[in-house]
């Protein structure tokens, strides 16, 4: 089965994260490794107020992870996240292969290389017009 790169945004229990940041966030990497995946980058994104309470929590700790995993193991990963008491919610998206390097570099805090000037030029496309004699009435 094909190996894909996924982006996972997890909302962690902020109380448990405050007591043991390394242990709680490390569980995400452990889940990925148990599913035979490879963590590319895993980092804290933000801690903020939730739009609506989740299990009585008004705040959540957002954790962003990029990882490589076989497509067939994704269901196993999602199920493990649902069963973990530290994870309130999660969202997993498949990353387009053309964007993997840029997204992972950005998540690591590295500067992403600018594309060549020729590729980014936004010159208007040439339009073809009808010949002058065809446009003028006779």
C-alpha atoms as a PDB file:
ATOM      1  CA  UNK A   1       0.000   0.000   0.000  1.00  0.00           C
ATOM      2  CA  UNK A   2       1.135   3.554  -0.705  1.00  0.00           C
ATOM      3  CA  UNK A   3       2.860   5.621   1.947  1.00  0.00           C
ATOM      4  CA  UNK A   4       1.464   9.141   2.268  1.00  0.00           C
ATOM      5  CA  UNK A   5       2.318  12.233   4.263  1.00  0.00           C
ATOM      6  CA  UNK A   6      -0.400  13.480   6.596  1.00  0.00           C
ATOM      7  CA  UNK A   7      -0.966  16.636   8.596  1.00  0.00           C
ATOM      8  CA  UNK A   8      -2.637  16.107  11.951  1.00  0.00           C
ATOM      9  CA  UNK A   9      -3.932  18.869  14.182  1.00  0.00           C
ATOM     10  CA  UNK A  10      -4.771  17.641  17.667  1.00  0.00           C
ATOM     11  CA  UNK A  11      -6.526  19.487  20.476  1.00  0.00           C
ATOM     12  CA  UNK A  12      -4.999  18.294  23.736  1.00  0.00           C
ATOM     13  CA  UNK A  13      -6.426  18.535  27.245  1.00  0.00           C
ATOM     14  CA  UNK A  14      -4.765  21.777  28.454  1.00  0.00           C
ATOM     15  CA  UNK A  15      -4.692  20.725  32.134  1.00  0.00           C
ATOM     16  CA  UNK A  16      -2.880  17.460  31.445  1.00  0.00           C
ATOM     17  CA  UNK A  17      -0.547  19.194  28.997  1.00  0.00           C
ATOM     18  CA  UNK A  18       0.344  21.847  31.609  1.00  0.00           C
ATOM     19  CA  UNK A  19       1.268  19.130  34.143  1.00  0.00           C
ATOM     20  CA  UNK A  20       3.355  17.014  31.735  1.00  0.00           C
ATOM     21  CA  UNK A  21       4.026  18.727  28.371  1.00  0.00           C
ATOM     22  CA  UNK A  22       6.606  16.216  27.150  1.00  0.00           C
ATOM     23  CA  UNK A  23       4.616  13.155  28.160  1.00  0.00           C
ATOM     24  CA  UNK A  24       1.282  14.271  26.722  1.00  0.00           C
ATOM     25  CA  UNK A  25       2.675  15.543  23.422  1.00  0.00           C
ATOM     26  CA  UNK A  26       4.963  12.507  23.167  1.00  0.00           C
ATOM     27  CA  UNK A  27       1.941  10.222  23.086  1.00  0.00           C
ATOM     28  CA  UNK A  28       1.104  11.468  19.595  1.00  0.00           C
ATOM     29  CA  UNK A  29       4.513  10.355  18.324  1.00  0.00           C
ATOM     30  CA  UNK A  30       4.107   7.031  20.128  1.00  0.00           C
ATOM     31  CA  UNK A  31       0.766   6.407  18.422  1.00  0.00           C
ATOM     32  CA  UNK A  32       2.317   7.134  15.020  1.00  0.00           C
ATOM     33  CA  UNK A  33       5.266   4.822  15.711  1.00  0.00           C
ATOM     34  CA  UNK A  34       2.943   2.005  16.893  1.00  0.00           C
ATOM     35  CA  UNK A  35       1.187   2.293  13.529  1.00  0.00           C
ATOM     36  CA  UNK A  36       4.583   1.905  11.779  1.00  0.00           C
ATOM     37  CA  UNK A  37       4.692   5.568  10.803  1.00  0.00           C
ATOM     38  CA  UNK A  38       7.458   8.154  10.765  1.00  0.00           C
ATOM     39  CA  UNK A  39       7.117  11.552  12.455  1.00  0.00           C
ATOM     40  CA  UNK A  40       8.483  14.327  10.235  1.00  0.00           C
ATOM     41  CA  UNK A  41       7.808  17.227  12.605  1.00  0.00           C
ATOM     42  CA  UNK A  42       5.713  17.636  15.743  1.00  0.00           C
ATOM     43  CA  UNK A  43       5.256  20.930  17.570  1.00  0.00           C
ATOM     44  CA  UNK A  44       3.044  23.083  19.730  1.00  0.00           C
ATOM     45  CA  UNK A  45       0.873  25.366  17.658  1.00  0.00           C
ATOM     46  CA  UNK A  46      -1.199  27.384  20.101  1.00  0.00           C
ATOM     47  CA  UNK A  47      -3.247  27.353  23.282  1.00  0.00           C
ATOM     48  CA  UNK A  48      -6.531  29.166  22.971  1.00  0.00           C
ATOM     49  CA  UNK A  49     -10.167  29.334  23.933  1.00  0.00           C
ATOM     50  CA  UNK A  50     -12.380  26.830  22.125  1.00  0.00           C
ATOM     51  CA  UNK A  51     -15.379  27.908  20.055  1.00  0.00           C
ATOM     52  CA  UNK A  52     -17.548  25.611  22.178  1.00  0.00           C
ATOM     53  CA  UNK A  53     -16.832  23.475  25.248  1.00  0.00           C
ATOM     54  CA  UNK A  54     -15.464  19.982  24.598  1.00  0.00           C
ATOM     55  CA  UNK A  55     -15.859  17.563  27.520  1.00  0.00           C
ATOM     56  CA  UNK A  56     -16.156  20.553  29.861  1.00  0.00           C
ATOM     57  CA  UNK A  57     -12.978  22.226  28.579  1.00  0.00           C
ATOM     58  CA  UNK A  58     -13.159  25.845  27.463  1.00  0.00           C
ATOM     59  CA  UNK A  59      -9.488  26.009  26.384  1.00  0.00           C
ATOM     60  CA  UNK A  60      -7.431  23.646  24.295  1.00  0.00           C
ATOM     61  CA  UNK A  61      -3.787  23.088  23.425  1.00  0.00           C
ATOM     62  CA  UNK A  62      -3.339  22.733  19.670  1.00  0.00           C
ATOM     63  CA  UNK A  63      -0.545  20.388  18.542  1.00  0.00           C
ATOM     64  CA  UNK A  64       0.541  20.117  14.886  1.00  0.00           C
ATOM     65  CA  UNK A  65       2.199  16.983  13.505  1.00  0.00           C
ATOM     66  CA  UNK A  66       3.347  15.944  10.033  1.00  0.00           C
ATOM     67  CA  UNK A  67       3.974  12.240   9.581  1.00  0.00           C
ATOM     68  CA  UNK A  68       4.454   9.526   6.956  1.00  0.00           C
ATOM     69  CA  UNK A  69       2.145   6.511   7.180  1.00  0.00           C
ATOM     70  CA  UNK A  70       0.722   3.770   4.998  1.00  0.00           C
ATOM     71  CA  UNK A  71      -2.791   4.612   3.862  1.00  0.00           C
ATOM     72  CA  UNK A  72      -4.227   1.404   5.325  1.00  0.00           C
ATOM     73  CA  UNK A  73      -2.935   2.240   8.812  1.00  0.00           C
ATOM     74  CA  UNK A  74      -4.722   5.596   8.968  1.00  0.00           C
ATOM     75  CA  UNK A  75      -7.874   4.078  10.449  1.00  0.00           C
ATOM     76  CA  UNK A  76      -5.785   2.470  13.203  1.00  0.00           C
ATOM     77  CA  UNK A  77      -4.158   5.848  13.931  1.00  0.00           C
ATOM     78  CA  UNK A  78      -7.495   7.669  14.129  1.00  0.00           C
ATOM     79  CA  UNK A  79      -8.921   5.018  16.432  1.00  0.00           C
ATOM     80  CA  UNK A  80      -5.917   5.244  18.762  1.00  0.00           C
ATOM     81  CA  UNK A  81      -6.398   9.034  18.930  1.00  0.00           C
ATOM     82  CA  UNK A  82     -10.072   8.590  19.847  1.00  0.00           C
ATOM     83  CA  UNK A  83      -9.150   6.218  22.668  1.00  0.00           C
ATOM     84  CA  UNK A  84      -6.461   8.502  24.127  1.00  0.00           C
ATOM     85  CA  UNK A  85      -7.775  10.499  27.113  1.00  0.00           C
ATOM     86  CA  UNK A  86      -5.379  13.394  26.483  1.00  0.00           C
ATOM     87  CA  UNK A  87      -6.733  14.072  22.981  1.00  0.00           C
ATOM     88  CA  UNK A  88     -10.000  16.007  22.853  1.00  0.00           C
ATOM     89  CA  UNK A  89     -10.274  16.235  19.044  1.00  0.00           C
ATOM     90  CA  UNK A  90      -8.122  15.531  15.997  1.00  0.00           C
ATOM     91  CA  UNK A  91      -8.172  16.234  12.298  1.00  0.00           C
ATOM     92  CA  UNK A  92      -6.012  14.380   9.772  1.00  0.00           C
ATOM     93  CA  UNK A  93      -5.458  15.624   6.222  1.00  0.00           C
ATOM     94  CA  UNK A  94      -3.505  14.021   3.399  1.00  0.00           C
ATOM     95  CA  UNK A  95      -0.807  16.396   2.133  1.00  0.00           C
ATOM     96  CA  UNK A  96      -0.258  16.842  -1.593  1.00  0.00           C
ATOM     97  CA  UNK A  97       3.220  15.447  -2.393  1.00  0.00           C
ATOM     98  CA  UNK A  98       4.198  18.741  -4.076  1.00  0.00           C
ATOM     99  CA  UNK A  99       3.668  20.627  -0.796  1.00  0.00           C
ATOM    100  CA  UNK A 100       5.337  18.248   1.661  1.00  0.00           C
ATOM    101  CA  UNK A 101       8.790  19.857   1.717  1.00  0.00           C
ATOM    102  CA  UNK A 102       7.453  23.404   2.082  1.00  0.00           C
ATOM    103  CA  UNK A 103       4.954  22.543   4.830  1.00  0.00           C
ATOM    104  CA  UNK A 104       7.421  20.501   6.858  1.00  0.00           C
ATOM    105  CA  UNK A 105      10.091  23.203   6.560  1.00  0.00           C
ATOM    106  CA  UNK A 106       7.604  25.857   7.663  1.00  0.00           C
ATOM    107  CA  UNK A 107       6.500  23.754  10.633  1.00  0.00           C
ATOM    108  CA  UNK A 108      10.153  23.372  11.664  1.00  0.00           C
ATOM    109  CA  UNK A 109      10.573  27.142  11.484  1.00  0.00           C
ATOM    110  CA  UNK A 110      12.952  27.001   8.543  1.00  0.00           C
ATOM    111  CA  UNK A 111      12.862  29.533   5.755  1.00  0.00           C
ATOM    112  CA  UNK A 112      11.319  28.100   2.599  1.00  0.00           C
ATOM    113  CA  UNK A 113      13.243  28.808  -0.615  1.00  0.00           C
ATOM    114  CA  UNK A 114      11.556  31.207  -3.009  1.00  0.00           C
ATOM    115  CA  UNK A 115      10.705  29.780  -6.439  1.00  0.00           C
ATOM    116  CA  UNK A 116      12.743  31.070  -9.392  1.00  0.00           C
ATOM    117  CA  UNK A 117      11.684  34.453 -10.806  1.00  0.00           C
ATOM    118  CA  UNK A 118      10.680  32.917 -14.140  1.00  0.00           C
ATOM    119  CA  UNK A 119       8.227  30.592 -12.428  1.00  0.00           C
ATOM    120  CA  UNK A 120       6.551  33.327 -10.420  1.00  0.00           C
ATOM    121  CA  UNK A 121       6.189  35.933 -13.161  1.00  0.00           C
ATOM    122  CA  UNK A 122       2.574  36.748 -13.699  1.00  0.00           C
ATOM    123  CA  UNK A 123       2.785  38.066 -17.226  1.00  0.00           C
ATOM    124  CA  UNK A 124      -0.617  38.225 -18.882  1.00  0.00           C
ATOM    125  CA  UNK A 125      -1.346  35.508 -21.352  1.00  0.00           C
ATOM    126  CA  UNK A 126      -1.157  36.510 -24.994  1.00  0.00           C
ATOM    127  CA  UNK A 127      -4.521  36.815 -26.627  1.00  0.00           C
ATOM    128  CA  UNK A 128      -5.160  36.245 -30.281  1.00  0.00           C
ATOM    129  CA  UNK A 129      -7.395  38.709 -32.042  1.00  0.00           C
ATOM    130  CA  UNK A 130      -9.197  38.388 -35.302  1.00  0.00           C
ATOM    131  CA  UNK A 131      -7.468  39.845 -38.365  1.00  0.00           C
ATOM    132  CA  UNK A 132      -8.304  43.515 -39.033  1.00  0.00           C
ATOM    133  CA  UNK A 133      -9.976  42.836 -42.374  1.00  0.00           C
ATOM    134  CA  UNK A 134     -12.289  40.268 -40.823  1.00  0.00           C
ATOM    135  CA  UNK A 135     -13.355  42.706 -38.096  1.00  0.00           C
ATOM    136  CA  UNK A 136     -14.054  45.718 -40.375  1.00  0.00           C
ATOM    137  CA  UNK A 137     -17.431  45.784 -42.142  1.00  0.00           C
ATOM    138  CA  UNK A 138     -17.330  45.880 -45.958  1.00  0.00           C
END
